N, C-alpha and C. Protein backbone atom coordinates (compact mmCIF):
# COMPACT_ATOMS: atom_id res chain seq x y z
N MET A 1 18.83 59.10 94.77
CA MET A 1 20.10 59.68 95.13
C MET A 1 21.08 59.44 93.99
N PRO A 2 21.78 60.49 93.52
CA PRO A 2 22.74 60.29 92.43
C PRO A 2 23.93 59.46 92.90
N THR A 3 24.46 58.67 91.99
CA THR A 3 25.64 57.87 92.31
C THR A 3 26.89 58.62 91.89
N ALA A 4 27.98 58.34 92.58
CA ALA A 4 29.25 58.99 92.26
C ALA A 4 29.81 58.41 90.99
N ALA A 5 30.47 59.25 90.23
CA ALA A 5 31.18 58.78 89.04
C ALA A 5 32.28 57.83 89.50
N PRO A 6 32.68 56.87 88.67
CA PRO A 6 33.70 55.90 89.09
C PRO A 6 34.98 56.55 89.61
N GLU A 7 35.43 57.62 88.95
CA GLU A 7 36.67 58.25 89.41
C GLU A 7 36.48 58.92 90.77
N GLU A 8 35.27 59.45 91.04
CA GLU A 8 35.00 60.03 92.35
C GLU A 8 34.99 58.94 93.42
N ALA A 9 34.37 57.82 93.12
CA ALA A 9 34.32 56.73 94.08
C ALA A 9 35.74 56.23 94.36
N HIS A 10 36.57 56.15 93.34
CA HIS A 10 37.95 55.71 93.53
C HIS A 10 38.69 56.69 94.43
N GLY A 11 38.52 57.98 94.18
CA GLY A 11 39.17 58.98 95.01
C GLY A 11 38.73 58.89 96.46
N PHE A 12 37.44 58.64 96.69
CA PHE A 12 36.93 58.52 98.05
C PHE A 12 37.50 57.28 98.73
N GLU A 13 37.64 56.19 97.99
CA GLU A 13 38.25 54.97 98.56
C GLU A 13 39.70 55.24 98.98
N ILE A 14 40.41 55.97 98.16
CA ILE A 14 41.80 56.32 98.50
C ILE A 14 41.81 57.19 99.75
N PHE A 15 40.91 58.17 99.82
CA PHE A 15 40.83 59.04 100.99
C PHE A 15 40.53 58.22 102.25
N GLN A 16 39.57 57.31 102.15
CA GLN A 16 39.22 56.48 103.31
C GLN A 16 40.41 55.63 103.76
N HIS A 17 41.15 55.10 102.80
CA HIS A 17 42.33 54.30 103.13
C HIS A 17 43.33 55.13 103.93
N TYR A 18 43.66 56.31 103.46
CA TYR A 18 44.64 57.14 104.14
C TYR A 18 44.11 57.72 105.44
N GLU A 19 42.81 57.93 105.51
CA GLU A 19 42.21 58.42 106.74
C GLU A 19 42.42 57.42 107.88
N ARG A 20 42.38 56.14 107.56
CA ARG A 20 42.60 55.09 108.58
C ARG A 20 44.04 55.06 109.06
N LEU A 21 44.95 55.65 108.32
CA LEU A 21 46.37 55.62 108.66
C LEU A 21 46.80 56.83 109.48
N GLN A 22 45.87 57.69 109.85
CA GLN A 22 46.23 58.92 110.56
C GLN A 22 46.82 58.62 111.93
N TRP A 23 47.75 59.44 112.33
CA TRP A 23 48.38 59.35 113.65
C TRP A 23 48.74 60.76 114.09
N LYS A 24 49.10 60.91 115.35
CA LYS A 24 49.45 62.21 115.89
C LYS A 24 50.85 62.17 116.48
N VAL A 25 51.59 63.26 116.32
CA VAL A 25 52.93 63.35 116.88
C VAL A 25 52.86 63.11 118.39
N SER A 26 51.81 63.60 119.03
CA SER A 26 51.67 63.44 120.49
C SER A 26 51.54 61.97 120.90
N GLU A 27 51.21 61.09 119.96
CA GLU A 27 51.07 59.66 120.26
C GLU A 27 52.39 58.89 120.17
N LEU A 28 53.46 59.55 119.78
CA LEU A 28 54.73 58.86 119.55
C LEU A 28 55.47 58.51 120.83
N GLY A 29 55.12 59.11 121.94
CA GLY A 29 55.81 58.82 123.20
C GLY A 29 57.23 59.35 123.24
N LEU A 30 57.46 60.49 122.62
CA LEU A 30 58.81 61.04 122.55
C LEU A 30 59.37 61.39 123.93
N GLU A 31 58.49 61.59 124.90
CA GLU A 31 58.96 61.88 126.25
C GLU A 31 59.69 60.68 126.86
N ASN A 32 59.54 59.52 126.28
CA ASN A 32 60.19 58.30 126.77
C ASN A 32 61.55 58.03 126.13
N VAL A 33 61.96 58.87 125.20
CA VAL A 33 63.24 58.68 124.54
C VAL A 33 64.37 58.96 125.53
N ARG A 34 65.27 58.02 125.63
CA ARG A 34 66.44 58.18 126.50
C ARG A 34 67.52 58.88 125.69
N ARG A 35 67.59 60.18 125.82
CA ARG A 35 68.55 60.98 125.05
C ARG A 35 69.99 60.56 125.30
N ASP A 36 70.28 60.06 126.50
CA ASP A 36 71.64 59.64 126.82
C ASP A 36 72.07 58.40 126.04
N LEU A 37 71.09 57.69 125.45
CA LEU A 37 71.40 56.49 124.68
C LEU A 37 71.43 56.74 123.17
N VAL A 38 71.12 57.96 122.76
CA VAL A 38 71.07 58.27 121.33
C VAL A 38 72.49 58.49 120.80
N ASP A 39 72.85 57.71 119.81
CA ASP A 39 74.15 57.85 119.15
C ASP A 39 74.18 59.18 118.41
N PRO A 40 75.20 60.01 118.63
CA PRO A 40 75.28 61.32 117.95
C PRO A 40 75.19 61.22 116.42
N ALA A 41 75.60 60.11 115.85
CA ALA A 41 75.49 59.95 114.39
C ALA A 41 74.03 59.96 113.95
N TYR A 42 73.15 59.46 114.81
CA TYR A 42 71.73 59.45 114.46
C TYR A 42 71.15 60.86 114.46
N ILE A 43 71.70 61.74 115.27
CA ILE A 43 71.23 63.12 115.31
C ILE A 43 71.50 63.79 113.96
N SER A 44 72.67 63.58 113.41
CA SER A 44 72.99 64.13 112.08
C SER A 44 72.07 63.54 111.02
N LEU A 45 71.82 62.25 111.12
CA LEU A 45 70.94 61.59 110.17
C LEU A 45 69.54 62.19 110.23
N VAL A 46 69.02 62.36 111.43
CA VAL A 46 67.67 62.90 111.59
C VAL A 46 67.60 64.33 111.09
N LYS A 47 68.64 65.12 111.31
CA LYS A 47 68.64 66.49 110.79
C LYS A 47 68.52 66.49 109.27
N GLY A 48 69.18 65.56 108.62
CA GLY A 48 69.05 65.44 107.17
C GLY A 48 67.65 65.04 106.75
N VAL A 49 67.05 64.14 107.50
CA VAL A 49 65.69 63.70 107.19
C VAL A 49 64.71 64.86 107.37
N VAL A 50 64.90 65.66 108.42
CA VAL A 50 64.04 66.82 108.65
C VAL A 50 64.07 67.74 107.43
N MET A 51 65.26 67.97 106.89
CA MET A 51 65.38 68.83 105.71
C MET A 51 64.63 68.24 104.52
N GLY A 52 64.78 66.93 104.33
CA GLY A 52 64.09 66.27 103.22
C GLY A 52 62.58 66.33 103.37
N GLU A 53 62.10 66.10 104.57
CA GLU A 53 60.66 66.12 104.82
C GLU A 53 60.10 67.54 104.71
N ALA A 54 60.94 68.55 104.83
CA ALA A 54 60.49 69.93 104.76
C ALA A 54 60.12 70.35 103.34
N THR A 55 60.32 69.49 102.37
CA THR A 55 60.02 69.84 100.98
C THR A 55 58.57 69.56 100.60
N SER A 56 57.76 69.12 101.56
CA SER A 56 56.38 68.75 101.22
C SER A 56 55.54 69.93 100.76
N LEU A 57 55.75 71.12 101.32
CA LEU A 57 54.94 72.26 100.88
C LEU A 57 55.26 72.68 99.45
N PRO A 58 56.53 72.80 99.07
CA PRO A 58 56.80 73.07 97.65
C PRO A 58 56.29 71.93 96.76
N GLY A 59 56.40 70.70 97.24
CA GLY A 59 55.89 69.57 96.47
C GLY A 59 54.39 69.66 96.28
N LEU A 60 53.68 70.00 97.35
CA LEU A 60 52.22 70.17 97.27
C LEU A 60 51.87 71.24 96.24
N HIS A 61 52.54 72.36 96.30
CA HIS A 61 52.29 73.44 95.35
C HIS A 61 52.51 72.96 93.91
N GLY A 62 53.63 72.28 93.69
CA GLY A 62 53.93 71.79 92.35
C GLY A 62 52.91 70.79 91.84
N PHE A 63 52.53 69.83 92.68
CA PHE A 63 51.52 68.84 92.26
C PHE A 63 50.17 69.49 91.98
N LEU A 64 49.74 70.41 92.86
CA LEU A 64 48.45 71.06 92.65
C LEU A 64 48.46 71.90 91.38
N SER A 65 49.59 72.53 91.08
CA SER A 65 49.70 73.32 89.85
C SER A 65 49.69 72.43 88.62
N GLU A 66 50.41 71.31 88.71
CA GLU A 66 50.52 70.40 87.56
C GLU A 66 49.22 69.66 87.28
N PHE A 67 48.50 69.29 88.32
CA PHE A 67 47.29 68.47 88.17
C PHE A 67 46.05 69.24 88.60
N ASP A 68 45.99 70.52 88.26
CA ASP A 68 44.89 71.37 88.71
C ASP A 68 43.53 70.94 88.19
N ASP A 69 43.49 70.15 87.14
CA ASP A 69 42.22 69.69 86.59
C ASP A 69 41.88 68.25 87.00
N ASP A 70 42.67 67.66 87.89
CA ASP A 70 42.46 66.29 88.33
C ASP A 70 42.11 66.29 89.82
N TYR A 71 40.81 66.24 90.12
CA TYR A 71 40.35 66.35 91.50
C TYR A 71 40.91 65.23 92.37
N ASP A 72 40.85 63.98 91.89
CA ASP A 72 41.33 62.84 92.69
C ASP A 72 42.81 62.99 93.03
N CYS A 73 43.60 63.36 92.04
CA CYS A 73 45.04 63.52 92.28
C CYS A 73 45.27 64.66 93.28
N SER A 74 44.58 65.77 93.10
CA SER A 74 44.75 66.90 94.00
C SER A 74 44.33 66.55 95.42
N ALA A 75 43.24 65.82 95.57
CA ALA A 75 42.78 65.41 96.90
C ALA A 75 43.82 64.49 97.55
N PHE A 76 44.34 63.54 96.79
CA PHE A 76 45.36 62.64 97.32
C PHE A 76 46.61 63.42 97.73
N VAL A 77 47.04 64.34 96.89
CA VAL A 77 48.25 65.11 97.17
C VAL A 77 48.07 65.95 98.44
N ALA A 78 46.88 66.46 98.67
CA ALA A 78 46.62 67.23 99.90
C ALA A 78 46.80 66.34 101.13
N VAL A 79 46.28 65.12 101.07
CA VAL A 79 46.44 64.18 102.19
C VAL A 79 47.92 63.80 102.33
N TRP A 80 48.58 63.53 101.22
CA TRP A 80 50.00 63.19 101.23
C TRP A 80 50.81 64.30 101.88
N ALA A 81 50.53 65.55 101.51
CA ALA A 81 51.30 66.68 102.03
C ALA A 81 51.11 66.81 103.54
N TYR A 82 49.90 66.57 104.02
CA TYR A 82 49.66 66.61 105.46
C TYR A 82 50.51 65.56 106.16
N GLN A 83 50.53 64.37 105.60
CA GLN A 83 51.33 63.30 106.21
C GLN A 83 52.82 63.62 106.16
N GLU A 84 53.27 64.23 105.09
CA GLU A 84 54.68 64.62 105.00
C GLU A 84 55.02 65.67 106.05
N LEU A 85 54.10 66.60 106.29
CA LEU A 85 54.32 67.58 107.36
C LEU A 85 54.41 66.90 108.72
N GLN A 86 53.58 65.86 108.92
CA GLN A 86 53.68 65.10 110.17
C GLN A 86 55.05 64.50 110.32
N HIS A 87 55.59 63.92 109.27
CA HIS A 87 56.93 63.33 109.33
C HIS A 87 57.95 64.40 109.71
N HIS A 88 57.86 65.54 109.06
CA HIS A 88 58.79 66.64 109.34
C HIS A 88 58.75 67.02 110.81
N TYR A 89 57.55 67.23 111.34
CA TYR A 89 57.44 67.67 112.72
C TYR A 89 57.76 66.54 113.70
N ALA A 90 57.49 65.31 113.34
CA ALA A 90 57.86 64.20 114.22
C ALA A 90 59.38 64.10 114.34
N PHE A 91 60.08 64.22 113.22
CA PHE A 91 61.56 64.17 113.30
C PHE A 91 62.11 65.39 114.03
N ARG A 92 61.50 66.54 113.85
CA ARG A 92 61.94 67.73 114.59
C ARG A 92 61.75 67.54 116.09
N ALA A 93 60.64 66.94 116.47
CA ALA A 93 60.36 66.71 117.89
C ALA A 93 61.40 65.78 118.48
């Protein structure tokens, strides 16, 4: 069986690390949030965070374009972008 090149093995280790960190928006228990206790200032703050997190798709495009010949970097950026989308949708929820 052929062995992976060191950079491929490193990329796979990074993927495995981030794979263990996966979570789902449905697991956050947002239905338990007491909206009557939320300070209105936090709503403005979260709206700003939602906008910031919404930049992951342009960021993904830029990274993939810049590092199109670097498989490990591109694979990591794809996982990163997925997680950034999760943040965006979690704050929206």
